């Protein structure tokens, strides 16, 4: 379930609430009890775990590509 951030335009209190997509947005402030809550747009939180796909899946350990190694060895033998 997503976490939404709300801010009261009356008293300025800001808080987060975990809600389902189907839940109606909150309107009443828990501090001042006025209907002045607005959702705050925040950047999406992305968490990368592990060593990463680029370094482990698509790159050789030395950083060289196999085609470069072959062309270097071919030029030395000629």
PDB file of N, CA and C in Angstrom:
ATOM      1  N   UNK A   1       0.848  -1.182   0.000  1.00  0.00           N
ATOM      2  CA  UNK A   1       0.000   0.000   0.000  1.00  0.00           C
ATOM      3  C   UNK A   1       0.891   1.242   0.000  1.00  0.00           C
ATOM      4  N   UNK A   2       0.503   2.234  -0.767  1.00  0.00           N
ATOM      5  CA  UNK A   2       1.308   3.449  -0.829  1.00  0.00           C
ATOM      6  C   UNK A   2       1.181   4.303   0.427  1.00  0.00           C
ATOM      7  N   UNK A   3       2.202   5.123   0.637  1.00  0.00           N
ATOM      8  CA  UNK A   3       2.226   6.069   1.756  1.00  0.00           C
ATOM      9  C   UNK A   3       2.044   7.470   1.171  1.00  0.00           C
ATOM     10  N   UNK A   4       1.052   8.178   1.663  1.00  0.00           N
ATOM     11  CA  UNK A   4       0.769   9.533   1.197  1.00  0.00           C
ATOM     12  C   UNK A   4       1.160  10.537   2.273  1.00  0.00           C
ATOM     13  N   UNK A   5       1.662  11.693   1.826  1.00  0.00           N
ATOM     14  CA  UNK A   5       2.012  12.787   2.730  1.00  0.00           C
ATOM     15  C   UNK A   5       0.916  13.843   2.630  1.00  0.00           C
ATOM     16  N   UNK A   6       0.439  14.285   3.785  1.00  0.00           N
ATOM     17  CA  UNK A   6      -0.586  15.327   3.859  1.00  0.00           C
ATOM     18  C   UNK A   6      -0.042  16.518   4.637  1.00  0.00           C
ATOM     19  N   UNK A   7      -0.529  17.722   4.286  1.00  0.00           N
ATOM     20  CA  UNK A   7      -0.185  18.939   5.008  1.00  0.00           C
ATOM     21  C   UNK A   7      -1.448  19.752   5.216  1.00  0.00           C
ATOM     22  N   UNK A   8      -1.609  20.259   6.440  1.00  0.00           N
ATOM     23  CA  UNK A   8      -2.765  21.099   6.761  1.00  0.00           C
ATOM     24  C   UNK A   8      -2.450  22.540   6.362  1.00  0.00           C
ATOM     25  N   UNK A   9      -3.332  23.131   5.583  1.00  0.00           N
ATOM     26  CA  UNK A   9      -3.143  24.521   5.179  1.00  0.00           C
ATOM     27  C   UNK A   9      -3.504  25.501   6.293  1.00  0.00           C
ATOM     28  N   UNK A  10      -4.191  25.025   7.324  1.00  0.00           N
ATOM     29  CA  UNK A  10      -4.581  25.885   8.435  1.00  0.00           C
ATOM     30  C   UNK A  10      -3.474  25.976   9.493  1.00  0.00           C
ATOM     31  N   UNK A  11      -3.040  24.829  10.018  1.00  0.00           N
ATOM     32  CA  UNK A  11      -2.065  24.844  11.120  1.00  0.00           C
ATOM     33  C   UNK A  11      -0.648  24.452  10.681  1.00  0.00           C
ATOM     34  N   UNK A  12      -0.493  23.908   9.456  1.00  0.00           N
ATOM     35  CA  UNK A  12       0.832  23.596   8.935  1.00  0.00           C
ATOM     36  C   UNK A  12       1.386  22.233   9.312  1.00  0.00           C
ATOM     37  N   UNK A  13       0.628  21.427  10.051  1.00  0.00           N
ATOM     38  CA  UNK A  13       1.116  20.103  10.437  1.00  0.00           C
ATOM     39  C   UNK A  13       1.227  19.236   9.172  1.00  0.00           C
ATOM     40  N   UNK A  14       2.311  18.423   9.125  1.00  0.00           N
ATOM     41  CA  UNK A  14       2.521  17.526   7.995  1.00  0.00           C
ATOM     42  C   UNK A  14       2.735  16.113   8.528  1.00  0.00           C
ATOM     43  N   UNK A  15       2.118  15.127   7.873  1.00  0.00           N
ATOM     44  CA  UNK A  15       2.233  13.750   8.336  1.00  0.00           C
ATOM     45  C   UNK A  15       2.058  12.799   7.168  1.00  0.00           C
ATOM     46  N   UNK A  16       2.456  11.543   7.373  1.00  0.00           N
ATOM     47  CA  UNK A  16       2.298  10.504   6.362  1.00  0.00           C
ATOM     48  C   UNK A  16       1.251   9.500   6.820  1.00  0.00           C
ATOM     49  N   UNK A  17       0.517   8.941   5.853  1.00  0.00           N
ATOM     50  CA  UNK A  17      -0.506   7.959   6.166  1.00  0.00           C
ATOM     51  C   UNK A  17      -0.475   6.876   5.095  1.00  0.00           C
ATOM     52  N   UNK A  18      -0.468   5.629   5.526  1.00  0.00           N
ATOM     53  CA  UNK A  18      -0.521   4.506   4.598  1.00  0.00           C
ATOM     54  C   UNK A  18      -1.971   4.231   4.254  1.00  0.00           C
ATOM     55  N   UNK A  19      -2.286   4.281   2.960  1.00  0.00           N
ATOM     56  CA  UNK A  19      -3.658   4.102   2.511  1.00  0.00           C
ATOM     57  C   UNK A  19      -3.696   3.241   1.257  1.00  0.00           C
ATOM     58  N   UNK A  20      -4.800   2.577   1.057  1.00  0.00           N
ATOM     59  CA  UNK A  20      -5.023   1.811  -0.160  1.00  0.00           C
ATOM     60  C   UNK A  20      -5.349   2.780  -1.296  1.00  0.00           C
ATOM     61  N   UNK A  21      -5.190   2.298  -2.533  1.00  0.00           N
ATOM     62  CA  UNK A  21      -5.541   3.127  -3.684  1.00  0.00           C
ATOM     63  C   UNK A  21      -7.018   3.464  -3.706  1.00  0.00           C
ATOM     64  N   UNK A  22      -7.837   2.594  -3.141  1.00  0.00           N
ATOM     65  CA  UNK A  22      -9.280   2.799  -3.174  1.00  0.00           C
ATOM     66  C   UNK A  22      -9.795   3.663  -2.023  1.00  0.00           C
ATOM     67  N   UNK A  23      -8.953   3.953  -1.022  1.00  0.00           N
ATOM     68  CA  UNK A  23      -9.376   4.800   0.094  1.00  0.00           C
ATOM     69  C   UNK A  23      -9.541   6.249  -0.365  1.00  0.00           C
ATOM     70  N   UNK A  24     -10.513   6.916   0.194  1.00  0.00           N
ATOM     71  CA  UNK A  24     -10.723   8.331  -0.113  1.00  0.00           C
ATOM     72  C   UNK A  24      -9.622   9.161   0.552  1.00  0.00           C
ATOM     73  N   UNK A  25      -9.192  10.249  -0.086  1.00  0.00           N
ATOM     74  CA  UNK A  25      -8.170  11.104   0.526  1.00  0.00           C
ATOM     75  C   UNK A  25      -8.678  11.730   1.824  1.00  0.00           C
ATOM     76  N   UNK A  26      -7.773  11.922   2.769  1.00  0.00           N
ATOM     77  CA  UNK A  26      -8.141  12.552   4.041  1.00  0.00           C
ATOM     78  C   UNK A  26      -8.442  14.022   3.819  1.00  0.00           C
ATOM     79  N   UNK A  27      -9.370  14.550   4.584  1.00  0.00           N
ATOM     80  CA  UNK A  27      -9.729  15.969   4.462  1.00  0.00           C
ATOM     81  C   UNK A  27      -9.638  16.716   5.786  1.00  0.00           C
ATOM     82  N   UNK A  28      -9.825  16.010   6.917  1.00  0.00           N
ATOM     83  CA  UNK A  28      -9.846  16.659   8.226  1.00  0.00           C
ATOM     84  C   UNK A  28      -8.500  16.502   8.918  1.00  0.00           C
ATOM     85  N   UNK A  29      -7.939  17.611   9.374  1.00  0.00           N
ATOM     86  CA  UNK A  29      -6.649  17.616  10.066  1.00  0.00           C
ATOM     87  C   UNK A  29      -6.796  16.981  11.450  1.00  0.00           C
ATOM     88  N   UNK A  30      -5.877  16.071  11.825  1.00  0.00           N
ATOM     89  CA  UNK A  30      -5.971  15.454  13.151  1.00  0.00           C
ATOM     90  C   UNK A  30      -5.598  16.408  14.289  1.00  0.00           C
ATOM     91  N   UNK A  31      -4.916  17.515  13.990  1.00  0.00           N
ATOM     92  CA  UNK A  31      -4.497  18.477  15.021  1.00  0.00           C
ATOM     93  C   UNK A  31      -5.558  19.548  15.276  1.00  0.00           C
ATOM     94  N   UNK A  32      -5.933  20.282  14.229  1.00  0.00           N
ATOM     95  CA  UNK A  32      -6.847  21.417  14.415  1.00  0.00           C
ATOM     96  C   UNK A  32      -8.303  21.078  14.068  1.00  0.00           C
ATOM     97  N   UNK A  33      -8.548  19.882  13.525  1.00  0.00           N
ATOM     98  CA  UNK A  33      -9.896  19.398  13.184  1.00  0.00           C
ATOM     99  C   UNK A  33     -10.601  20.230  12.106  1.00  0.00           C
ATOM    100  N   UNK A  34      -9.834  20.960  11.288  1.00  0.00           N
ATOM    101  CA  UNK A  34     -10.429  21.717  10.184  1.00  0.00           C
ATOM    102  C   UNK A  34     -10.255  20.935   8.889  1.00  0.00           C
ATOM    103  N   UNK A  35     -11.132  21.177   7.942  1.00  0.00           N
ATOM    104  CA  UNK A  35     -11.043  20.499   6.653  1.00  0.00           C
ATOM    105  C   UNK A  35     -10.115  21.285   5.735  1.00  0.00           C
ATOM    106  N   UNK A  36      -8.814  21.172   6.010  1.00  0.00           N
ATOM    107  CA  UNK A  36      -7.826  21.939   5.247  1.00  0.00           C
ATOM    108  C   UNK A  36      -6.638  21.088   4.821  1.00  0.00           C
ATOM    109  N   UNK A  37      -6.803  19.760   4.736  1.00  0.00           N
ATOM    110  CA  UNK A  37      -5.697  18.881   4.345  1.00  0.00           C
ATOM    111  C   UNK A  37      -5.541  18.843   2.831  1.00  0.00           C
ATOM    112  N   UNK A  38      -4.301  18.834   2.395  1.00  0.00           N
ATOM    113  CA  UNK A  38      -3.960  18.682   0.987  1.00  0.00           C
ATOM    114  C   UNK A  38      -2.857  17.640   0.881  1.00  0.00           C
ATOM    115  N   UNK A  39      -2.903  16.833  -0.178  1.00  0.00           N
ATOM    116  CA  UNK A  39      -1.829  15.875  -0.430  1.00  0.00           C
ATOM    117  C   UNK A  39      -0.587  16.628  -0.901  1.00  0.00           C
ATOM    118  N   UNK A  40       0.555  16.187  -0.400  1.00  0.00           N
ATOM    119  CA  UNK A  40       1.828  16.771  -0.810  1.00  0.00           C
ATOM    120  C   UNK A  40       2.442  15.836  -1.841  1.00  0.00           C
ATOM    121  N   UNK A  41       2.844  16.397  -2.974  1.00  0.00           N
ATOM    122  CA  UNK A  41       3.482  15.599  -4.017  1.00  0.00           C
ATOM    123  C   UNK A  41       4.953  15.443  -3.644  1.00  0.00           C
ATOM    124  N   UNK A  42       5.383  14.197  -3.497  1.00  0.00           N
ATOM    125  CA  UNK A  42       6.773  13.917  -3.150  1.00  0.00           C
ATOM    126  C   UNK A  42       7.391  13.029  -4.216  1.00  0.00           C
ATOM    127  N   UNK A  43       8.721  13.091  -4.378  1.00  0.00           N
ATOM    128  CA  UNK A  43       9.360  12.210  -5.360  1.00  0.00           C
ATOM    129  C   UNK A  43       9.187  10.749  -4.965  1.00  0.00           C
ATOM    130  N   UNK A  44       9.136   9.895  -5.957  1.00  0.00           N
ATOM    131  CA  UNK A  44       8.993   8.460  -5.713  1.00  0.00           C
ATOM    132  C   UNK A  44      10.253   7.932  -5.057  1.00  0.00           C
ATOM    133  N   UNK A  45      10.081   7.099  -4.056  1.00  0.00           N
ATOM    134  CA  UNK A  45      11.217   6.511  -3.360  1.00  0.00           C
ATOM    135  C   UNK A  45      11.617   5.230  -4.079  1.00  0.00           C
ATOM    136  N   UNK A  46      12.849   5.183  -4.537  1.00  0.00           N
ATOM    137  CA  UNK A  46      13.370   4.005  -5.218  1.00  0.00           C
ATOM    138  C   UNK A  46      14.563   3.509  -4.426  1.00  0.00           C
ATOM    139  N   UNK A  47      14.565   2.230  -4.124  1.00  0.00           N
ATOM    140  CA  UNK A  47      15.663   1.643  -3.368  1.00  0.00           C
ATOM    141  C   UNK A  47      16.323   0.581  -4.236  1.00  0.00           C
ATOM    142  N   UNK A  48      17.623   0.762  -4.512  1.00  0.00           N
ATOM    143  CA  UNK A  48      18.376  -0.220  -5.260  1.00  0.00           C
ATOM    144  C   UNK A  48      19.106  -1.106  -4.275  1.00  0.00           C
ATOM    145  N   UNK A  49      18.899  -2.413  -4.378  1.00  0.00           N
ATOM    146  CA  UNK A  49      19.555  -3.366  -3.493  1.00  0.00           C
ATOM    147  C   UNK A  49      20.461  -4.267  -4.309  1.00  0.00           C
ATOM    148  N   UNK A  50      21.548  -4.705  -3.724  1.00  0.00           N
ATOM    149  CA  UNK A  50      22.468  -5.604  -4.409  1.00  0.00           C
ATOM    150  C   UNK A  50      23.598  -4.846  -5.062  1.00  0.00           C
ATOM    151  N   UNK A  51      24.412  -5.573  -5.802  1.00  0.00           N
ATOM    152  CA  UNK A  51      25.594  -4.970  -6.410  1.00  0.00           C
ATOM    153  C   UNK A  51      25.288  -4.288  -7.731  1.00  0.00           C
ATOM    154  N   UNK A  52      24.123  -4.513  -8.291  1.00  0.00           N
ATOM    155  CA  UNK A  52      23.726  -3.838  -9.511  1.00  0.00           C
ATOM    156  C   UNK A  52      23.822  -4.737 -10.712  1.00  0.00           C
ATOM    157  N   UNK A  53      22.979  -4.491 -11.717  1.00  0.00           N
ATOM    158  CA  UNK A  53      22.952  -5.369 -12.870  1.00  0.00           C
ATOM    159  C   UNK A  53      24.072  -5.058 -13.844  1.00  0.00           C
ATOM    160  N   UNK A  54      24.505  -3.812 -13.956  1.00  0.00           N
ATOM    161  CA  UNK A  54      25.496  -3.456 -14.968  1.00  0.00           C
ATOM    162  C   UNK A  54      26.847  -4.086 -14.660  1.00  0.00           C
ATOM    163  N   UNK A  55      27.312  -3.958 -13.447  1.00  0.00           N
ATOM    164  CA  UNK A  55      28.628  -4.457 -13.092  1.00  0.00           C
ATOM    165  C   UNK A  55      28.675  -5.979 -13.059  1.00  0.00           C
ATOM    166  N   UNK A  56      27.568  -6.630 -12.785  1.00  0.00           N
ATOM    167  CA  UNK A  56      27.598  -8.083 -12.650  1.00  0.00           C
ATOM    168  C   UNK A  56      27.104  -8.813 -13.891  1.00  0.00           C
ATOM    169  N   UNK A  57      26.314  -8.189 -14.731  1.00  0.00           N
ATOM    170  CA  UNK A  57      25.708  -8.907 -15.847  1.00  0.00           C
ATOM    171  C   UNK A  57      26.221  -8.500 -17.223  1.00  0.00           C
ATOM    172  N   UNK A  58      26.598  -7.265 -17.424  1.00  0.00           N
ATOM    173  CA  UNK A  58      26.891  -6.784 -18.773  1.00  0.00           C
ATOM    174  C   UNK A  58      28.311  -6.273 -18.948  1.00  0.00           C
ATOM    175  N   UNK A  59      29.168  -6.483 -18.015  1.00  0.00           N
ATOM    176  CA  UNK A  59      30.512  -5.945 -18.100  1.00  0.00           C
ATOM    177  C   UNK A  59      31.504  -7.026 -17.690  1.00  0.00           C
ATOM    178  N   UNK A  60      32.594  -7.125 -18.419  1.00  0.00           N
ATOM    179  CA  UNK A  60      33.599  -8.114 -18.040  1.00  0.00           C
ATOM    180  C   UNK A  60      34.324  -7.633 -16.781  1.00  0.00           C
ATOM    181  N   UNK A  61      34.926  -8.537 -16.007  1.00  0.00           N
ATOM    182  CA  UNK A  61      35.568  -8.138 -14.755  1.00  0.00           C
ATOM    183  C   UNK A  61      36.692  -7.120 -14.946  1.00  0.00           C
ATOM    184  N   UNK A  62      37.432  -7.197 -16.053  1.00  0.00           N
ATOM    185  CA  UNK A  62      38.542  -6.265 -16.269  1.00  0.00           C
ATOM    186  C   UNK A  62      38.087  -4.962 -16.904  1.00  0.00           C
ATOM    187  N   UNK A  63      36.869  -4.953 -17.431  1.00  0.00           N
ATOM    188  CA  UNK A  63      36.363  -3.748 -18.078  1.00  0.00           C
ATOM    189  C   UNK A  63      36.593  -3.758 -19.574  1.00  0.00           C
ATOM    190  N   UNK A  64      37.381  -4.727 -20.084  1.00  0.00           N
ATOM    191  CA  UNK A  64      37.643  -4.832 -21.517  1.00  0.00           C
ATOM    192  C   UNK A  64      36.608  -5.738 -22.165  1.00  0.00           C
ATOM    193  N   UNK A  65      36.357  -5.496 -23.418  1.00  0.00           N
ATOM    194  CA  UNK A  65      35.458  -6.384 -24.149  1.00  0.00           C
ATOM    195  C   UNK A  65      36.281  -7.466 -24.817  1.00  0.00           C
ATOM    196  N   UNK A  66      35.685  -8.585 -25.116  1.00  0.00           N
ATOM    197  CA  UNK A  66      36.419  -9.705 -25.713  1.00  0.00           C
ATOM    198  C   UNK A  66      36.865  -9.379 -27.136  1.00  0.00           C
ATOM    199  N   UNK A  67      36.143  -8.549 -27.876  1.00  0.00           N
ATOM    200  CA  UNK A  67      36.525  -8.208 -29.245  1.00  0.00           C
ATOM    201  C   UNK A  67      37.798  -7.367 -29.266  1.00  0.00           C
ATOM    202  N   UNK A  68      38.019  -6.532 -28.268  1.00  0.00           N
ATOM    203  CA  UNK A  68      39.227  -5.720 -28.194  1.00  0.00           C
ATOM    204  C   UNK A  68      40.436  -6.606 -27.942  1.00  0.00           C
ATOM    205  N   UNK A  69      40.310  -7.590 -27.083  1.00  0.00           N
ATOM    206  CA  UNK A  69      41.410  -8.489 -26.774  1.00  0.00           C
ATOM    207  C   UNK A  69      41.809  -9.291 -27.998  1.00  0.00           C
ATOM    208  N   UNK A  70      40.845  -9.735 -28.805  1.00  0.00           N
ATOM    209  CA  UNK A  70      41.141 -10.524 -29.992  1.00  0.00           C
ATOM    210  C   UNK A  70      41.861  -9.678 -31.028  1.00  0.00           C
ATOM    211  N   UNK A  71      41.446  -8.455 -31.240  1.00  0.00           N
ATOM    212  CA  UNK A  71      42.067  -7.608 -32.257  1.00  0.00           C
ATOM    213  C   UNK A  71      43.489  -7.227 -31.856  1.00  0.00           C
ATOM    214  N   UNK A  72      43.747  -7.059 -30.549  1.00  0.00           N
ATOM    215  CA  UNK A  72      45.097  -6.754 -30.075  1.00  0.00           C
ATOM    216  C   UNK A  72      46.030  -7.928 -30.314  1.00  0.00           C
ATOM    217  N   UNK A  73      45.577  -9.141 -30.023  1.00  0.00           N
ATOM    218  CA  UNK A  73      46.421 -10.320 -30.199  1.00  0.00           C
ATOM    219  C   UNK A  73      46.642 -10.626 -31.671  1.00  0.00           C
ATOM    220  N   UNK A  74      45.652 -10.336 -32.541  1.00  0.00           N
ATOM    221  CA  UNK A  74      45.801 -10.566 -33.979  1.00  0.00           C
ATOM    222  C   UNK A  74      46.850  -9.636 -34.581  1.00  0.00           C
ATOM    223  N   UNK A  75      46.896  -8.391 -34.149  1.00  0.00           N
ATOM    224  CA  UNK A  75      47.851  -7.435 -34.704  1.00  0.00           C
ATOM    225  C   UNK A  75      49.277  -7.754 -34.257  1.00  0.00           C
ATOM    226  N   UNK A  76      49.469  -8.361 -33.087  1.00  0.00           N
ATOM    227  CA  UNK A  76      50.806  -8.709 -32.613  1.00  0.00           C
ATOM    228  C   UNK A  76      51.367  -9.902 -33.386  1.00  0.00           C
ATOM    229  N   UNK A  77      50.522 -10.836 -33.832  1.00  0.00           N
ATOM    230  CA  UNK A  77      50.993 -12.036 -34.506  1.00  0.00           C
ATOM    231  C   UNK A  77      51.370 -11.756 -35.959  1.00  0.00           C
ATOM    232  N   UNK A  78      50.919 -10.649 -36.546  1.00  0.00           N
ATOM    233  CA  UNK A  78      51.217 -10.347 -37.947  1.00  0.00           C
ATOM    234  C   UNK A  78      52.532  -9.734 -38.137  1.00  0.00           C
TER     235      UNK A  78
END
